[in-house]
Structures are given as structure tokens and as C-alpha cells.
Amino acid sequence: MSSSLNIQLTDKLRQYVDERASDGDVYATPSEYIRELIRQDMAEQGILRHVLEGVEDIKRGRFSSKSIVDFKGRKTPRRRAP
């Protein structure tokens, strides 16, 4: 289900959105461009949330002193298909 959202933009912002949604660009419509911006923001917020959780884990002492090099070349058992 989709719903509408009305926003007000300055002339300069509207012109930019229109340029991004032109025939020569990736986005076919202004709505498509705005939706993609929102998706990117959601992804960035998800990454930020994970980083902050990691920082909190470090503050609480929940971490390993091993580095990725310690795990490189380590063989892990293969899982069998269920």
C-alpha cells in the first residue's frame, strides 16, 4: 500500500530534483528519486545503529582481542543441508 506525502521545496531544490528525474538521469520521476533518498537514509541509519551498538559493546568490555588476521585461513566446519 502506498500513500501520498506533500512537501514544499525551495525553487532551487525543486529544480535539482527535476534535473535528477530527467530523461538523462537514473530516476524516471521525482517520486522515484525521493523514495531512493529515503531508502539510502534508512540503510545509513541501520549501519549507524550497528556501529553505536558495537561502541557500546566495547565500553562494556564485550569484545575480542583477536583480529581478522587471526581468523583468516581458519577452517570452519561445513554445515550439512537439512
C-alpha atoms as a PDB file:
ATOM      1  CA  MET A   1       0.000   0.000   0.000  1.00  0.00           C
ATOM      2  CA  SER A   2       1.273   3.467  -0.749  1.00  0.00           C
ATOM      3  CA  SER A   3       0.254   6.878   0.428  1.00  0.00           C
ATOM      4  CA  SER A   4       0.957  10.426  -0.644  1.00  0.00           C
ATOM      5  CA  LEU A   5       3.099  12.993   1.095  1.00  0.00           C
ATOM      6  CA  ASN A   6       3.082  16.639   0.102  1.00  0.00           C
ATOM      7  CA  ILE A   7       6.283  18.584   0.656  1.00  0.00           C
ATOM      8  CA  GLN A   8       7.357  22.128  -0.061  1.00  0.00           C
ATOM      9  CA  LEU A   9      10.714  22.774  -1.671  1.00  0.00           C
ATOM     10  CA  THR A  10      12.555  25.929  -2.496  1.00  0.00           C
ATOM     11  CA  ASP A  11      12.799  26.688  -6.199  1.00  0.00           C
ATOM     12  CA  LYS A  12      16.445  25.667  -6.140  1.00  0.00           C
ATOM     13  CA  LEU A  13      15.694  22.287  -4.544  1.00  0.00           C
ATOM     14  CA  ARG A  14      12.791  21.649  -6.897  1.00  0.00           C
ATOM     15  CA  GLN A  15      14.993  22.401  -9.882  1.00  0.00           C
ATOM     16  CA  TYR A  16      17.601  19.962  -8.588  1.00  0.00           C
ATOM     17  CA  VAL A  17      15.019  17.207  -8.059  1.00  0.00           C
ATOM     18  CA  ASP A  18      13.643  17.804 -11.539  1.00  0.00           C
ATOM     19  CA  GLU A  19      17.146  17.554 -13.011  1.00  0.00           C
ATOM     20  CA  ARG A  20      17.761  14.256 -11.220  1.00  0.00           C
ATOM     21  CA  ALA A  21      14.451  12.923 -12.530  1.00  0.00           C
ATOM     22  CA  SER A  22      15.105  13.930 -16.116  1.00  0.00           C
ATOM     23  CA  ASP A  23      15.440  11.679 -19.133  1.00  0.00           C
ATOM     24  CA  GLY A  24      19.222  11.792 -18.931  1.00  0.00           C
ATOM     25  CA  ASP A  25      19.479  10.624 -15.332  1.00  0.00           C
ATOM     26  CA  VAL A  26      18.815   7.414 -13.422  1.00  0.00           C
ATOM     27  CA  TYR A  27      15.447   8.365 -11.958  1.00  0.00           C
ATOM     28  CA  ALA A  28      12.317   8.490 -14.084  1.00  0.00           C
ATOM     29  CA  THR A  29      10.239  10.628 -11.718  1.00  0.00           C
ATOM     30  CA  PRO A  30      10.777  12.954  -8.758  1.00  0.00           C
ATOM     31  CA  SER A  31       8.936  10.433  -6.562  1.00  0.00           C
ATOM     32  CA  GLU A  32      11.357   7.688  -7.555  1.00  0.00           C
ATOM     33  CA  TYR A  33      14.297   9.923  -6.647  1.00  0.00           C
ATOM     34  CA  ILE A  34      12.816  10.867  -3.252  1.00  0.00           C
ATOM     35  CA  ARG A  35      11.995   7.223  -2.451  1.00  0.00           C
ATOM     36  CA  GLU A  36      15.584   6.231  -3.211  1.00  0.00           C
ATOM     37  CA  LEU A  37      16.916   9.002  -0.960  1.00  0.00           C
ATOM     38  CA  ILE A  38      14.718   7.717   1.867  1.00  0.00           C
ATOM     39  CA  ARG A  39      15.881   4.120   1.299  1.00  0.00           C
ATOM     40  CA  GLN A  40      19.511   5.257   1.413  1.00  0.00           C
ATOM     41  CA  ASP A  41      18.871   7.181   4.621  1.00  0.00           C
ATOM     42  CA  MET A  42      17.228   4.128   6.188  1.00  0.00           C
ATOM     43  CA  ALA A  43      20.233   1.985   5.260  1.00  0.00           C
ATOM     44  CA  GLU A  44      22.665   4.554   6.674  1.00  0.00           C
ATOM     45  CA  GLN A  45      20.685   4.734   9.910  1.00  0.00           C
ATOM     46  CA  GLY A  46      20.826   0.938  10.172  1.00  0.00           C
ATOM     47  CA  ILE A  47      24.602   0.989   9.761  1.00  0.00           C
ATOM     48  CA  LEU A  48      24.937   3.790  12.306  1.00  0.00           C
ATOM     49  CA  ARG A  49      22.801   1.850  14.769  1.00  0.00           C
ATOM     50  CA  HIS A  50      25.088  -1.194  14.424  1.00  0.00           C
ATOM     51  CA  VAL A  51      28.218   0.930  14.852  1.00  0.00           C
ATOM     52  CA  LEU A  52      26.814   2.526  18.006  1.00  0.00           C
ATOM     53  CA  GLU A  53      25.888  -0.913  19.359  1.00  0.00           C
ATOM     54  CA  GLY A  54      29.474  -2.006  18.713  1.00  0.00           C
ATOM     55  CA  VAL A  55      30.847   1.038  20.523  1.00  0.00           C
ATOM     56  CA  GLU A  56      28.565   0.272  23.463  1.00  0.00           C
ATOM     57  CA  ASP A  57      29.796  -3.343  23.494  1.00  0.00           C
ATOM     58  CA  ILE A  58      33.401  -2.106  23.606  1.00  0.00           C
ATOM     59  CA  LYS A  59      32.580   0.243  26.505  1.00  0.00           C
ATOM     60  CA  ARG A  60      31.098  -2.706  28.411  1.00  0.00           C
ATOM     61  CA  GLY A  61      34.094  -4.921  27.674  1.00  0.00           C
ATOM     62  CA  ARG A  62      32.256  -7.198  25.276  1.00  0.00           C
ATOM     63  CA  PHE A  63      34.856  -7.669  22.565  1.00  0.00           C
ATOM     64  CA  SER A  64      37.627  -9.995  21.440  1.00  0.00           C
ATOM     65  CA  SER A  65      41.281  -9.094  21.238  1.00  0.00           C
ATOM     66  CA  LYS A  66      41.580 -11.192  18.081  1.00  0.00           C
ATOM     67  CA  SER A  67      41.785  -9.509  14.713  1.00  0.00           C
ATOM     68  CA  ILE A  68      40.527 -10.599  11.331  1.00  0.00           C
ATOM     69  CA  VAL A  69      44.040 -11.918  10.637  1.00  0.00           C
ATOM     70  CA  ASP A  70      43.558 -14.433  13.460  1.00  0.00           C
ATOM     71  CA  PHE A  71      40.537 -15.837  11.668  1.00  0.00           C
ATOM     72  CA  LYS A  72      41.974 -15.762   8.166  1.00  0.00           C
ATOM     73  CA  GLY A  73      42.733 -19.231   6.912  1.00  0.00           C
ATOM     74  CA  ARG A  74      40.872 -20.818   9.810  1.00  0.00           C
ATOM     75  CA  LYS A  75      38.807 -23.683   8.547  1.00  0.00           C
ATOM     76  CA  THR A  76      35.228 -23.749   9.643  1.00  0.00           C
ATOM     77  CA  PRO A  77      33.183 -26.923   9.539  1.00  0.00           C
ATOM     78  CA  ARG A  78      30.758 -27.128   6.664  1.00  0.00           C
ATOM     79  CA  ARG A  79      27.116 -27.251   7.510  1.00  0.00           C
ATOM     80  CA  ARG A  80      25.090 -30.059   6.113  1.00  0.00           C
ATOM     81  CA  ALA A  81      21.930 -29.265   4.251  1.00  0.00           C
ATOM     82  CA  PRO A  82      18.860 -30.014   6.389  1.00  0.00           C
END
